[in-house]
Protein backbone atom coordinates (compact mmCIF):
# COMPACT_ATOMS: atom_id res chain seq x y z
CA MET A 1 -123.29 -95.21 -22.04
CA LYS A 2 -124.75 -92.34 -19.49
CA LYS A 3 -121.90 -91.15 -18.36
CA GLU A 4 -120.49 -91.17 -21.53
CA ASN A 5 -123.02 -89.05 -22.63
CA LEU A 6 -122.64 -87.09 -19.75
CA PHE A 7 -119.03 -86.28 -20.41
CA LEU A 8 -119.97 -85.49 -24.44
CA ARG A 9 -122.08 -82.61 -23.08
CA TRP A 10 -119.68 -81.14 -20.40
CA LEU A 11 -117.13 -80.98 -23.58
CA ASP A 12 -119.85 -78.97 -25.11
CA HIS A 13 -120.74 -77.22 -22.46
CA SER A 14 -124.29 -77.95 -22.04
CA LEU A 15 -124.36 -79.89 -19.10
CA SER A 16 -126.68 -78.73 -16.20
CA GLU A 17 -125.41 -78.87 -12.83
CA ALA A 18 -127.23 -82.05 -11.42
CA ASP A 19 -125.33 -84.09 -14.08
CA ARG A 20 -122.47 -82.30 -12.89
CA THR A 21 -122.51 -83.54 -9.69
CA ALA A 22 -123.33 -86.75 -10.57
CA LEU A 23 -119.88 -86.84 -13.03
CA GLN A 24 -118.24 -85.20 -10.18
CA ASP A 25 -118.19 -89.18 -8.49
CA ASP A 26 -116.50 -90.19 -11.16
CA GLU A 27 -112.59 -90.39 -11.37
CA ARG A 28 -111.98 -89.34 -14.67
CA PHE A 29 -114.00 -86.39 -14.56
CA SER A 30 -111.08 -84.55 -12.18
CA ALA A 31 -108.34 -85.53 -14.68
CA TYR A 32 -110.93 -84.78 -17.61
CA GLU A 33 -111.23 -81.09 -15.95
CA LYS A 34 -107.52 -80.12 -15.54
CA ILE A 35 -106.81 -80.97 -19.16
CA SER A 36 -109.65 -78.59 -20.06
CA GLN A 37 -108.40 -75.70 -17.63
CA ALA A 38 -104.57 -76.49 -19.37
CA ALA A 39 -106.04 -76.30 -23.14
CA GLN A 40 -107.26 -72.77 -22.43
CA TYR A 41 -103.93 -71.61 -22.28
CA PHE A 42 -103.00 -72.84 -25.59
CA ARG A 43 -105.96 -71.02 -27.56
CA ALA A 44 -104.89 -69.30 -30.68
CA PRO A 45 -105.83 -65.40 -30.48
CA GLU A 46 -108.87 -63.95 -32.28
CA PHE A 47 -108.50 -63.12 -35.91
CA ASP A 48 -109.20 -59.59 -36.89
CA ALA A 49 -109.68 -60.01 -40.76
CA SER A 50 -109.95 -56.53 -41.16
CA SER A 51 -107.88 -54.88 -39.13
CA SER A 52 -105.21 -57.10 -40.32
CA TYR A 53 -106.16 -55.94 -44.07
CA ASP A 54 -105.66 -52.31 -43.14
CA ARG A 55 -102.40 -53.39 -41.57
CA LEU A 56 -100.96 -54.72 -44.29
CA ARG A 57 -102.23 -52.23 -47.13
CA LEU A 58 -99.87 -49.28 -44.96
CA LYS A 59 -97.00 -51.38 -45.15
CA GLN A 60 -97.23 -51.28 -48.47
CA GLN A 61 -97.59 -47.94 -49.09
CA GLN A 62 -94.87 -47.29 -46.81
CA GLN A 63 -92.48 -49.68 -49.17
CA THR A 64 -93.74 -48.09 -52.20
CA LYS A 65 -93.87 -44.28 -50.89
CA VAL A 66 -91.05 -42.48 -53.37
CA LYS A 67 -89.31 -39.31 -51.50
CA ARG A 68 -89.59 -36.04 -53.50
CA LEU A 69 -86.55 -33.55 -53.09
CA LYS A 70 -88.09 -29.67 -51.85
CA PRO A 71 -87.78 -27.21 -55.09
CA TRP A 72 -85.13 -25.60 -53.35
CA ARG A 73 -82.97 -28.79 -52.79
CA ILE A 74 -83.55 -29.56 -56.47
CA ALA A 75 -82.59 -26.05 -57.45
CA SER A 76 -79.30 -26.28 -55.08
CA ALA A 77 -78.14 -29.70 -56.53
CA ILE A 78 -78.63 -28.16 -60.19
CA ALA A 79 -76.42 -25.33 -58.89
CA ALA A 80 -73.87 -27.48 -57.56
CA LEU A 81 -73.55 -29.61 -60.80
CA PHE A 82 -73.34 -26.58 -62.46
CA VAL A 83 -70.41 -25.01 -60.40
CA LEU A 84 -68.81 -28.45 -60.80
CA GLY A 85 -69.13 -28.24 -64.84
CA LEU A 86 -67.29 -24.85 -64.92
CA LEU A 87 -64.54 -25.84 -62.49
CA VAL A 88 -63.93 -28.81 -64.88
CA VAL A 89 -63.77 -26.96 -67.87
CA ASN A 90 -61.76 -24.30 -66.45
CA LEU A 91 -59.09 -26.47 -65.16
CA THR A 92 -59.54 -28.23 -68.80
CA ALA A 93 -58.84 -24.72 -70.35
CA ASN A 94 -56.83 -23.27 -67.97
CA ASN A 95 -53.63 -25.05 -68.79
CA THR A 96 -50.94 -23.01 -67.45
CA THR A 97 -47.71 -23.83 -66.65
CA THR A 98 -45.34 -21.55 -64.31
CA LEU A 99 -41.50 -22.43 -63.46
CA THR A 100 -39.43 -20.25 -61.05
CA ALA A 101 -36.04 -19.57 -60.57
CA ALA A 102 -35.54 -19.84 -57.10
CA ASN A 103 -33.10 -16.75 -54.99
CA ALA A 104 -29.49 -17.93 -55.62
CA ASP A 105 -30.33 -20.38 -58.24
CA ARG A 106 -31.13 -20.37 -61.87
CA LEU A 107 -33.66 -22.39 -64.35
CA GLU A 108 -33.25 -23.16 -68.15
CA LEU A 109 -35.98 -24.23 -70.04
CA SER A 110 -37.51 -24.99 -73.48
CA LEU A 111 -40.72 -23.70 -74.55
CA PRO A 112 -43.06 -25.91 -76.69
CA ASP A 113 -41.83 -24.40 -80.17
CA ALA A 114 -37.96 -25.15 -79.10
CA SER A 115 -37.30 -21.70 -78.27
CA THR A 116 -35.22 -21.27 -75.38
CA VAL A 117 -35.46 -19.46 -72.01
CA GLN A 118 -32.98 -18.22 -69.26
CA LEU A 119 -34.16 -17.26 -65.71
CA ASN A 120 -32.29 -15.18 -63.14
CA ALA A 121 -32.71 -16.02 -59.37
CA GLY A 122 -35.87 -14.88 -58.50
CA THR A 123 -37.89 -15.07 -61.49
CA SER A 124 -40.98 -16.55 -62.45
CA LEU A 125 -42.50 -17.52 -66.11
CA SER A 126 -45.76 -18.95 -67.21
CA TYR A 127 -47.51 -19.43 -70.61
CA ASN A 128 -50.60 -21.57 -71.63
CA GLU A 129 -49.42 -24.82 -73.56
CA ASP A 130 -52.82 -25.63 -75.03
CA LYS A 131 -52.91 -22.00 -76.54
CA TRP A 132 -49.35 -22.08 -77.90
CA GLU A 133 -49.24 -23.03 -81.17
CA ASP A 134 -52.07 -19.81 -81.96
CA SER A 135 -50.23 -17.73 -79.34
CA ARG A 136 -46.88 -17.68 -78.74
CA GLN A 137 -47.05 -15.59 -75.20
CA VAL A 138 -45.16 -15.47 -71.77
CA ASP A 139 -45.80 -13.94 -68.67
CA LEU A 140 -42.63 -12.36 -66.91
CA ASP A 141 -41.74 -11.54 -63.61
CA GLY A 142 -38.13 -11.16 -63.49
CA GLU A 143 -35.22 -11.44 -65.32
CA ALA A 144 -34.92 -13.76 -68.58
CA LEU A 145 -32.96 -14.54 -71.58
CA PHE A 146 -34.39 -15.55 -74.36
CA THR A 147 -33.59 -17.26 -77.55
CA VAL A 148 -36.93 -17.67 -79.86
CA THR A 149 -37.06 -19.69 -83.20
CA LYS A 150 -38.59 -18.00 -86.20
CA GLY A 151 -42.22 -18.58 -86.62
CA SER A 152 -45.51 -16.54 -85.29
CA SER A 153 -45.27 -13.31 -83.19
CA PHE A 154 -43.60 -14.42 -80.02
CA GLU A 155 -45.00 -11.73 -77.03
CA VAL A 156 -43.32 -11.12 -73.48
CA ASN A 157 -45.99 -9.65 -71.07
CA THR A 158 -44.39 -7.65 -68.06
CA ASP A 159 -46.48 -5.23 -65.71
CA ALA A 160 -44.31 -2.38 -66.78
CA GLY A 161 -44.49 -3.22 -70.79
CA SER A 162 -44.80 -6.11 -72.97
CA VAL A 163 -41.87 -7.15 -76.30
CA ARG A 164 -43.04 -8.31 -79.45
CA VAL A 165 -40.60 -10.50 -81.46
CA LEU A 166 -40.97 -12.36 -84.69
CA GLY A 167 -37.72 -15.10 -83.91
CA THR A 168 -34.28 -12.81 -82.15
CA VAL A 169 -32.69 -13.27 -79.03
CA PHE A 170 -32.92 -10.63 -76.29
CA ASN A 171 -32.90 -9.95 -72.34
CA VAL A 172 -36.00 -8.71 -70.41
CA VAL A 173 -35.73 -6.90 -66.90
CA ASP A 174 -39.13 -6.54 -64.86
CA ARG A 175 -37.65 -5.38 -61.32
CA GLN A 176 -39.09 -2.87 -58.86
CA GLY A 177 -39.46 -0.08 -61.17
CA LEU A 178 -36.97 -1.04 -63.47
CA PHE A 179 -37.84 -2.67 -66.76
CA GLU A 180 -35.27 -3.14 -69.52
CA VAL A 181 -34.79 -5.08 -73.05
CA THR A 182 -31.49 -5.41 -74.80
CA CYS A 183 -31.77 -7.12 -77.78
CA PHE A 184 -28.50 -9.08 -79.11
CA GLU A 185 -29.61 -10.49 -82.76
CA GLY A 186 -32.96 -9.32 -85.20
CA ARG A 187 -35.17 -6.68 -83.78
CA VAL A 188 -37.90 -6.24 -81.21
CA ALA A 189 -40.86 -4.48 -80.79
CA VAL A 190 -41.21 -2.65 -77.01
CA SER A 191 -44.79 -1.49 -75.77
CA PHE A 192 -45.53 0.10 -72.47
CA PRO A 193 -48.26 1.01 -70.92
CA ASP A 194 -49.02 4.29 -72.52
CA ASN A 195 -49.07 2.76 -75.90
CA THR A 196 -45.66 3.92 -76.70
CA THR A 197 -43.97 1.74 -78.80
CA ILE A 198 -40.03 1.87 -79.92
CA GLU A 199 -38.72 -0.62 -82.29
CA ILE A 200 -34.62 -1.76 -81.28
CA GLY A 201 -32.38 -3.72 -83.02
CA ALA A 202 -29.11 -5.90 -82.01
CA GLY A 203 -26.63 -3.94 -79.66
CA GLU A 204 -29.67 -2.17 -78.77
CA GLY A 205 -31.77 -1.16 -75.63
CA VAL A 206 -34.50 0.71 -74.35
CA ARG A 207 -34.44 1.39 -70.28
CA LEU A 208 -37.54 2.58 -68.39
CA LEU A 209 -36.67 3.61 -64.92
CA GLY A 210 -39.45 5.28 -62.68
CA THR A 211 -40.99 7.53 -65.14
CA LYS A 212 -37.70 8.00 -67.35
CA LEU A 213 -37.49 6.28 -70.86
CA ASN A 214 -34.17 6.32 -72.37
CA ARG A 215 -32.50 3.95 -74.57
CA PHE A 216 -28.95 2.50 -74.83
CA GLU A 217 -26.47 0.83 -76.66
CA THR A 218 -24.26 -2.84 -75.51
CA ALA A 219 -21.31 -4.51 -77.50
CA THR A 220 -21.92 -7.62 -75.39
CA ALA A 221 -23.37 -10.43 -77.15
CA ARG A 222 -25.26 -11.77 -73.75
CA PRO A 223 -26.29 -10.23 -70.50
CA SER A 224 -23.90 -10.26 -67.45
CA TRP A 225 -25.39 -12.23 -65.20
CA VAL A 226 -25.25 -15.20 -68.17
CA ASN A 227 -21.42 -14.78 -66.72
CA HIS A 228 -22.23 -14.95 -62.90
CA LYS A 229 -22.14 -11.01 -62.76
CA SER A 230 -23.95 -8.18 -62.48
CA ILE A 231 -23.62 -4.95 -64.14
CA PHE A 232 -25.32 -1.25 -63.72
CA LYS A 233 -25.43 1.74 -65.08
CA SER A 234 -26.58 4.78 -63.49
CA THR A 235 -29.15 2.46 -60.83
CA PRO A 236 -31.10 3.16 -57.79
CA TYR A 237 -28.60 2.03 -55.07
CA LYS A 238 -31.60 -0.19 -53.67
CA ILE A 239 -31.61 -1.82 -56.74
CA ILE A 240 -28.39 -3.41 -56.33
CA LEU A 241 -28.90 -4.46 -53.17
CA ALA A 242 -32.42 -6.42 -54.36
CA GLU A 243 -30.26 -7.96 -56.66
CA LEU A 244 -27.79 -8.83 -54.24
CA GLU A 245 -30.56 -10.41 -52.14
CA ARG A 246 -31.60 -12.48 -55.10
CA GLN A 247 -28.12 -13.98 -56.16
CA TYR A 248 -27.24 -14.64 -52.57
CA GLU A 249 -30.04 -15.75 -50.72
CA VAL A 250 -29.32 -13.09 -47.85
CA SER A 251 -30.98 -10.58 -46.19
CA VAL A 252 -29.33 -7.21 -46.01
CA ASP A 253 -30.01 -4.28 -43.88
CA ALA A 254 -29.43 -1.05 -44.97
CA SER A 255 -31.79 1.28 -42.70
CA THR A 256 -29.09 3.71 -41.78
CA ILE A 257 -28.15 4.69 -45.32
CA ASP A 258 -29.56 6.58 -48.26
CA LYS A 259 -30.73 3.78 -50.72
CA ASN A 260 -31.69 6.27 -53.37
CA VAL A 261 -28.32 7.12 -54.32
CA ILE A 262 -27.36 6.48 -57.82
CA PHE A 263 -24.54 3.73 -58.52
CA THR A 264 -22.66 2.49 -61.10
CA GLY A 265 -20.54 -0.80 -60.85
CA SER A 266 -20.80 -4.18 -60.96
CA PHE A 267 -20.56 -7.51 -58.42
CA THR A 268 -20.07 -11.03 -58.87
CA HIS A 269 -22.26 -14.01 -57.81
CA GLU A 270 -19.71 -16.23 -57.04
CA ASP A 271 -18.72 -14.31 -53.79
CA LEU A 272 -20.26 -12.60 -51.04
CA GLU A 273 -17.30 -10.97 -49.52
CA THR A 274 -15.72 -9.81 -53.02
CA ALA A 275 -19.79 -8.90 -54.12
CA MET A 276 -19.77 -6.30 -50.60
CA GLU A 277 -16.82 -4.83 -51.27
CA ALA A 278 -17.41 -3.95 -54.41
CA VAL A 279 -20.61 -2.16 -53.99
CA THR A 280 -19.73 -0.63 -50.21
CA VAL A 281 -16.14 0.92 -51.06
CA PRO A 282 -17.07 2.95 -53.73
CA LEU A 283 -19.49 4.83 -51.85
CA ASN A 284 -17.22 4.48 -48.35
CA LEU A 285 -19.88 2.63 -46.85
CA LYS A 286 -18.99 -0.68 -44.22
CA PHE A 287 -20.28 -3.82 -43.94
CA GLN A 288 -20.98 -6.78 -41.69
CA ILE A 289 -21.91 -10.18 -42.90
CA SER A 290 -23.69 -12.77 -40.28
CA GLY A 291 -24.84 -15.87 -41.88
CA LYS A 292 -27.71 -14.87 -43.82
CA LYS A 293 -27.89 -11.63 -42.60
CA VAL A 294 -25.37 -8.42 -44.05
CA THR A 295 -25.59 -4.89 -42.63
CA ILE A 296 -24.63 -1.81 -44.00
CA THR A 297 -23.15 1.28 -42.06
CA LYS A 298 -21.64 4.48 -42.87
């Protein structure tokens, strides 16, 4: 039993040097010592309770931390939402419909009150459908024939003037220095930027060419362009050429002639060569057609 006690003291690390010498003669001692040395590699690391608690508390604080926006970022976000809100309101409120007749084309349409409009070539018309019941108004750029159903006041606005009616048929021209209104049925009131207002009835018209304002009479029931023809009376030649370009979708080069000369005449919308003869022969001019380009010379 003596050696067994020595082994116990060896495991308890209380073995004296003399007793250790005595154990070394035992064949079991060498195997036990190797096992003891190998076991040192499997020792659990020392546990620091205080340090582990501190690490756990820091991790919890990081997980529950709330990210706060800087004041300027909050202001930017509010401003962005405000702008977006205004944009949505404007898109909803400004429900404007715009219709355009391209060059060499025409367009016929019905308005919300069943009034009808025919747009001549190179003309655009716009109106707000949401406000139509309260205010029958259209904006016009070009030339159009209106047939207006009876009801509240109907207004056509252009850069050169406006036309107000109750229910009638009339034609409006707003082209390059020419503003002209012709009434075919009923009565219309034509207002100008200088606050001048002129009323005209069926068979009457009013014309503003540059700064010259005059009234005229007509025996026709509809404007000539509805029947594929343009008729002009005492009109600058440049306006006739511009109408040719719109009706045939061509480019007219008249750089070598006087385009301010006054012209009275007409041309068809159905044949370009015939139309060119109609507007050049009376002025002793020549023309040449090359694809979509027309050149006029003396």
